Amino acid sequence: MLPVVVVHGGAGHIPKERSEKSTEGVCSAVRAGYAVLKRGGSSMDAVVEAVAQLENNPAFNAGCGSVLNMKGEVEMDTIVMDGKTLGSGAVSAVRNIANPVCLARLVMDKTSHTCLTAEGANKFAQSMGVPEVPMESLITEYARMRWRKNLAADAKPVECQMGKMGTVGAVAVDSEGNVACATSTGGMLNKMEGRVGDTPCIGSGGYADNQTGAVSTTGHGEAIMKVTLARLILFHMEQGQSAEAASDLGLAYMKSRVEALGGVVTVDPQGHWAARFSSKQMSWAAAQKDTLHYGLYTGEHFTQSIDEPL
């Protein structure tokens, strides 16, 4: 069963002209994460590699391609968590950083803190030698177009937020049975400056514990935080539910309790995995036993050899 890596590219409605790029992106990222595991890398190495690939892909709402806040600027949130130690690192409202997931890992590895925010996170990045990039390099024409559209008085940014470009995330189990998660996002369309969503919050945007499993979430951040979705799913797994059943239970509770849709990727330490969502779509991919699995719509599950091109 081991090793395994599963990634998502965001839950919601993905326009047809962008769905192909989204599927290609998650498949490419999962291959990169799986290559790390096959070389003997850790689950943490794998999820960081997979998410960094997605941050570098303008088809997703993370890194270059992040949505813009009310001022038309990029503010990104990221978390990583190591199931072996329960160590975690997160950054919120960071700017001018190409790969926030790598910065979150440095927070975990090089500080006694769990989360650094805004200017403090950027100063830490400088001290670690992480190069700053011009904010313009993180902004796509698509993000700018959507920002302008949502400045209109009758616009509903929350409603059209879901998944047009997705929050990204990954979970993995390495050959030693250690689990890890990583989640990264540009946040919510036209959000207030300084708004922080679920992504960098332990138990909401992600959670990893070798005793249970690992989860990375996507959806409307405020709703995910209200039900601490990642931790809720692992609670169900602690009660004996499978990764798939626990994921469905967590998403169903969020839908009934706070009327919100979302999606998750989940693994247990034995290598059982799930990619589940209550929204219309979620681009996802998984790699296990040299087989690539992927899908976009509910019930869709394609498989092929990991080395075969899409």
Protein backbone atom coordinates (compact mmCIF):
# COMPACT_ATOMS: atom_id res chain seq x y z
CA MET A 1 0.00 0.00 0.00
CA LEU A 2 2.87 2.39 0.77
CA PRO A 3 4.00 4.92 -0.21
CA VAL A 4 1.07 7.08 -1.38
CA VAL A 5 0.45 10.76 -2.09
CA VAL A 6 -2.90 12.47 -2.83
CA VAL A 7 -3.39 16.07 -3.96
CA HIS A 8 -6.32 18.41 -4.59
CA GLY A 9 -6.55 21.59 -6.63
CA GLY A 10 -9.62 23.12 -5.00
CA ALA A 11 -13.33 22.36 -4.63
CA GLY A 12 -16.20 24.15 -6.33
CA HIS A 13 -17.12 24.93 -9.92
CA ILE A 14 -14.22 24.93 -12.37
CA PRO A 15 -15.02 26.58 -15.73
CA LYS A 16 -14.69 24.19 -18.67
CA GLU A 17 -11.86 26.18 -20.25
CA ARG A 18 -9.81 25.78 -17.05
CA SER A 19 -10.73 22.23 -16.01
CA GLU A 20 -8.18 20.57 -18.30
CA LYS A 21 -5.35 22.71 -16.91
CA SER A 22 -6.52 21.90 -13.40
CA THR A 23 -6.51 18.14 -14.03
CA GLU A 24 -3.11 18.27 -15.72
CA GLY A 25 -1.78 20.35 -12.83
CA VAL A 26 -2.80 17.96 -10.05
CA CYS A 27 -1.51 14.95 -12.01
CA SER A 28 1.84 16.64 -12.58
CA ALA A 29 2.09 17.61 -8.89
CA VAL A 30 1.21 14.12 -7.65
CA ARG A 31 3.86 12.61 -9.92
CA ALA A 32 6.44 14.99 -8.42
CA GLY A 33 5.41 14.09 -4.86
CA TYR A 34 5.41 10.37 -5.65
CA ALA A 35 8.91 10.59 -7.19
CA VAL A 36 10.13 12.00 -3.87
CA LEU A 37 8.60 9.05 -1.98
CA LYS A 38 10.03 6.51 -4.44
CA ARG A 39 13.50 7.97 -3.84
CA GLY A 40 13.03 7.32 -0.12
CA GLY A 41 12.01 10.87 0.79
CA SER A 42 9.70 11.56 3.73
CA SER A 43 5.97 12.24 3.52
CA MET A 44 6.77 15.86 4.48
CA ASP A 45 9.23 16.15 1.58
CA ALA A 46 6.56 14.76 -0.75
CA VAL A 47 3.69 17.07 0.25
CA VAL A 48 5.92 20.15 0.15
CA GLU A 49 7.18 19.20 -3.33
CA ALA A 50 3.66 18.54 -4.62
CA VAL A 51 2.23 21.77 -3.21
CA ALA A 52 5.21 23.84 -4.41
CA GLN A 53 4.50 22.54 -7.94
CA LEU A 54 0.88 23.67 -7.61
CA GLU A 55 1.96 27.08 -6.25
CA ASN A 56 4.09 27.48 -9.39
CA ASN A 57 1.11 26.70 -11.63
CA PRO A 58 -1.06 29.74 -12.50
CA ALA A 59 -4.13 27.50 -12.88
CA PHE A 60 -4.53 27.41 -9.07
CA ASN A 61 -5.34 29.85 -6.29
CA ALA A 62 -1.96 29.56 -4.56
CA GLY A 63 1.44 31.11 -5.24
CA CYS A 64 1.40 32.61 -8.75
CA GLY A 65 -2.29 32.66 -9.62
CA SER A 66 -3.50 33.66 -6.14
CA VAL A 67 -6.73 35.65 -6.00
CA LEU A 68 -6.51 39.31 -5.00
CA ASN A 69 -7.76 41.10 -1.90
CA MET A 70 -9.90 44.25 -2.00
CA LYS A 71 -6.83 46.37 -2.68
CA GLY A 72 -5.85 44.20 -5.64
CA GLU A 73 -2.93 42.62 -3.77
CA VAL A 74 -1.83 39.05 -3.04
CA GLU A 75 -1.93 37.69 0.54
CA MET A 76 -1.25 33.97 0.89
CA ASP A 77 -1.81 31.40 3.67
CA THR A 78 -0.13 27.99 4.04
CA ILE A 79 0.26 25.13 6.54
CA VAL A 80 2.37 21.98 6.81
CA MET A 81 2.04 19.33 9.51
CA ASP A 82 4.17 16.29 10.35
CA GLY A 83 2.22 13.31 11.70
CA LYS A 84 5.24 11.78 13.41
CA THR A 85 5.92 14.68 15.79
CA LEU A 86 2.73 16.78 15.42
CA GLY A 87 5.13 19.52 14.41
CA SER A 88 3.49 22.20 12.30
CA GLY A 89 4.48 25.37 10.50
CA ALA A 90 2.21 27.97 8.96
CA VAL A 91 2.29 31.44 7.46
CA SER A 92 -0.58 33.81 6.84
CA ALA A 93 -1.06 36.99 4.79
CA VAL A 94 2.40 36.68 3.22
CA ARG A 95 3.37 38.63 0.12
CA ASN A 96 6.23 38.53 -2.35
CA ILE A 97 7.02 34.86 -1.70
CA ALA A 98 6.88 32.44 -4.64
CA ASN A 99 6.46 29.28 -2.52
CA PRO A 100 4.79 29.93 0.84
CA VAL A 101 4.72 26.15 1.52
CA CYS A 102 8.53 26.14 1.72
CA LEU A 103 8.39 29.08 4.13
CA ALA A 104 5.82 27.25 6.31
CA ARG A 105 8.20 24.30 6.51
CA LEU A 106 11.00 26.62 7.65
CA VAL A 107 8.71 27.95 10.39
CA MET A 108 8.24 24.36 11.56
CA ASP A 109 11.91 23.39 11.26
CA LYS A 110 13.71 26.58 12.31
CA THR A 111 11.54 28.30 14.93
CA SER A 112 9.78 27.41 18.16
CA HIS A 113 6.56 28.89 16.75
CA THR A 114 3.76 27.40 14.71
CA CYS A 115 2.48 30.36 12.69
CA LEU A 116 4.02 33.63 11.51
CA THR A 117 1.95 36.31 9.85
CA ALA A 118 2.22 39.17 7.37
CA GLU A 119 5.29 41.39 7.80
CA GLY A 120 6.79 39.12 10.46
CA ALA A 121 6.60 36.13 8.11
CA ASN A 122 8.24 38.15 5.34
CA LYS A 123 11.04 39.27 7.69
CA PHE A 124 11.60 35.65 8.72
CA ALA A 125 11.79 34.71 5.05
CA GLN A 126 14.53 37.32 4.54
CA SER A 127 16.47 35.99 7.53
CA MET A 128 16.30 32.49 6.05
CA GLY A 129 17.55 33.67 2.67
CA VAL A 130 14.23 33.08 0.93
CA PRO A 131 14.24 35.42 -2.06
CA GLU A 132 11.42 37.94 -2.42
CA VAL A 133 9.69 38.16 -5.79
CA PRO A 134 7.79 41.15 -7.20
CA MET A 135 4.10 40.92 -6.34
CA GLU A 136 3.30 41.42 -10.03
CA SER A 137 4.93 38.04 -10.75
CA LEU A 138 2.26 36.35 -8.61
CA ILE A 139 -0.70 38.09 -10.29
CA THR A 140 -2.25 36.60 -13.42
CA GLU A 141 -4.52 38.41 -15.87
CA TYR A 142 -7.27 35.98 -14.87
CA ALA A 143 -6.95 36.96 -11.19
CA ARG A 144 -7.00 40.66 -12.08
CA MET A 145 -10.08 40.21 -14.28
CA ARG A 146 -11.97 38.45 -11.49
CA TRP A 147 -10.88 41.10 -8.97
CA ARG A 148 -12.29 43.88 -11.16
CA LYS A 149 -15.52 41.94 -11.72
CA ASN A 150 -16.02 41.53 -7.98
CA LEU A 151 -15.59 45.24 -7.25
CA ALA A 152 -19.06 45.76 -8.76
CA ALA A 153 -21.74 46.74 -6.24
CA ASP A 154 -23.92 43.71 -7.03
CA ALA A 155 -21.06 41.18 -6.99
CA LYS A 156 -21.12 38.25 -4.56
CA PRO A 157 -17.47 37.26 -4.07
CA VAL A 158 -18.24 34.43 -1.61
CA GLU A 159 -20.67 32.76 -4.00
CA CYS A 160 -18.36 32.91 -7.00
CA GLN A 161 -15.30 32.17 -4.87
CA MET A 162 -15.63 28.43 -4.72
CA GLY A 163 -13.07 26.64 -6.80
CA LYS A 164 -12.87 28.85 -9.88
CA MET A 165 -9.19 28.52 -9.12
CA GLY A 166 -8.59 26.29 -6.17
CA THR A 167 -6.80 26.24 -2.88
CA VAL A 168 -4.27 23.41 -3.21
CA GLY A 169 -3.22 20.67 -0.83
CA ALA A 170 -1.57 17.30 -0.43
CA VAL A 171 -1.39 14.39 2.01
CA ALA A 172 1.09 11.53 1.94
CA VAL A 173 2.28 8.40 3.72
CA ASP A 174 5.93 7.40 3.25
CA SER A 175 7.42 3.91 3.30
CA GLU A 176 7.90 4.17 7.08
CA GLY A 177 4.22 4.90 7.67
CA ASN A 178 4.68 8.56 8.57
CA VAL A 179 1.88 10.87 7.40
CA ALA A 180 2.02 14.57 6.51
CA CYS A 181 -0.19 17.28 5.03
CA ALA A 182 0.31 20.63 3.30
CA THR A 183 -2.30 23.18 2.19
CA SER A 184 -1.72 26.51 0.41
CA THR A 185 -4.03 29.27 -0.83
CA GLY A 186 -4.34 32.84 -2.02
CA GLY A 187 -7.51 33.00 0.08
CA MET A 188 -10.91 34.36 -0.85
CA LEU A 189 -11.75 36.60 -3.78
CA ASN A 190 -11.73 40.31 -2.90
CA LYS A 191 -11.24 39.55 0.79
CA MET A 192 -10.60 42.31 3.32
CA GLU A 193 -6.94 43.14 3.75
CA GLY A 194 -5.52 40.95 6.53
CA ARG A 195 -8.26 38.31 6.29
CA VAL A 196 -6.96 34.87 7.23
CA GLY A 197 -8.98 31.76 6.38
CA ASP A 198 -8.86 28.15 7.45
CA THR A 199 -5.69 27.16 5.60
CA PRO A 200 -3.00 28.08 8.19
CA CYS A 201 -5.12 26.98 11.17
CA ILE A 202 -4.22 23.56 12.61
CA GLY A 203 -7.24 21.26 12.47
CA SER A 204 -9.03 23.35 9.84
CA GLY A 205 -6.84 23.69 6.76
CA GLY A 206 -5.02 20.50 7.57
CA TYR A 207 -4.03 18.02 10.26
CA ALA A 208 -1.64 15.07 10.40
CA ASP A 209 -1.15 12.48 13.14
CA ASN A 210 0.56 9.11 12.67
CA GLN A 211 -1.94 7.56 15.07
CA THR A 212 -4.86 8.40 12.75
CA GLY A 213 -4.04 9.92 9.37
CA ALA A 214 -3.74 13.19 7.49
CA VAL A 215 -6.23 15.55 5.85
CA SER A 216 -5.98 18.64 3.62
CA THR A 217 -9.14 20.69 3.05
CA THR A 218 -10.55 23.12 0.49
CA GLY A 219 -13.67 25.28 0.42
CA HIS A 220 -15.03 28.39 2.11
CA GLY A 221 -12.52 29.05 4.89
CA GLU A 222 -14.89 30.61 7.39
CA ALA A 223 -17.15 27.53 7.22
CA ILE A 224 -14.25 25.08 7.45
CA MET A 225 -12.98 26.85 10.59
CA LYS A 226 -16.39 26.67 12.24
CA VAL A 227 -16.37 22.87 12.10
CA THR A 228 -12.55 22.35 12.25
CA LEU A 229 -13.04 20.08 9.25
CA ALA A 230 -9.64 18.35 9.07
CA ARG A 231 -9.68 17.39 12.75
CA LEU A 232 -13.36 16.41 12.58
CA ILE A 233 -12.59 13.88 9.82
CA LEU A 234 -9.72 12.41 11.84
CA PHE A 235 -12.04 12.19 14.87
CA HIS A 236 -14.34 9.97 12.79
CA MET A 237 -11.33 7.87 11.77
CA GLU A 238 -10.41 7.48 15.45
CA GLN A 239 -13.91 6.06 15.93
CA GLY A 240 -13.14 3.37 13.35
CA GLN A 241 -14.43 4.98 10.15
CA SER A 242 -12.49 4.53 6.90
CA ALA A 243 -10.76 7.50 5.26
CA GLU A 244 -13.58 7.71 2.72
CA ALA A 245 -16.47 7.36 5.18
CA ALA A 246 -14.90 9.81 7.65
CA SER A 247 -14.36 12.36 4.86
CA ASP A 248 -18.00 12.06 3.79
CA LEU A 249 -19.22 12.41 7.38
CA GLY A 250 -17.16 15.56 7.94
CA LEU A 251 -18.33 17.17 4.70
CA ALA A 252 -21.96 16.22 5.38
CA TYR A 253 -21.78 17.80 8.84
CA MET A 254 -20.35 21.02 7.39
CA LYS A 255 -23.13 21.11 4.79
CA SER A 256 -25.92 20.53 7.31
CA ARG A 257 -24.52 22.67 10.14
CA VAL A 258 -23.22 25.74 8.28
CA GLU A 259 -24.64 25.19 4.76
CA ALA A 260 -21.22 25.04 3.13
CA LEU A 261 -19.61 22.85 0.50
CA GLY A 262 -16.00 21.76 0.28
CA GLY A 263 -13.57 18.97 -0.39
CA VAL A 264 -10.75 16.99 1.21
CA VAL A 265 -7.96 14.54 0.51
CA THR A 266 -7.37 12.03 3.31
CA VAL A 267 -4.96 9.17 4.07
CA ASP A 268 -4.51 6.72 6.93
CA PRO A 269 -1.10 5.37 8.03
CA GLN A 270 -1.70 2.08 6.19
CA GLY A 271 -2.04 3.89 2.87
CA HIS A 272 -5.82 3.85 2.41
CA TRP A 273 -6.81 7.17 0.84
CA ALA A 274 -9.80 9.23 -0.24
CA ALA A 275 -10.54 12.30 -2.35
CA ARG A 276 -14.06 13.44 -1.47
CA PHE A 277 -16.08 16.60 -2.06
CA SER A 278 -19.61 17.95 -1.66
CA SER A 279 -19.14 20.68 -4.27
CA LYS A 280 -19.79 20.18 -7.99
CA GLN A 281 -16.13 19.51 -8.76
CA MET A 282 -12.71 19.09 -7.22
CA SER A 283 -9.60 18.36 -9.24
CA TRP A 284 -7.65 15.61 -7.48
CA ALA A 285 -4.98 13.03 -8.17
CA ALA A 286 -3.33 10.19 -6.25
CA ALA A 287 -0.29 7.98 -6.83
CA GLN A 288 0.13 4.51 -5.33
CA LYS A 289 1.76 1.27 -6.53
CA ASP A 290 3.03 3.10 -9.65
CA THR A 291 -0.57 3.87 -10.63
CA LEU A 292 -1.95 7.36 -11.21
CA HIS A 293 -5.55 7.99 -10.10
CA TYR A 294 -7.39 11.22 -10.92
CA GLY A 295 -10.80 12.83 -11.32
CA LEU A 296 -12.76 16.08 -11.41
CA TYR A 297 -16.50 15.33 -11.09
CA THR A 298 -18.33 13.31 -8.42
CA GLY A 299 -17.90 9.60 -9.09
CA GLU A 300 -15.15 10.16 -11.65
CA HIS A 301 -12.06 7.97 -11.13
CA PHE A 302 -9.56 7.39 -13.93
CA THR A 303 -6.45 5.22 -13.57
CA GLN A 304 -3.32 4.71 -15.64
CA SER A 305 0.35 3.89 -15.23
CA ILE A 306 2.22 6.67 -13.41
CA ASP A 307 4.65 6.98 -16.33
CA GLU A 308 1.99 7.22 -19.03
CA PRO A 309 1.26 10.77 -20.26
CA LEU A 310 -2.32 12.05 -19.69
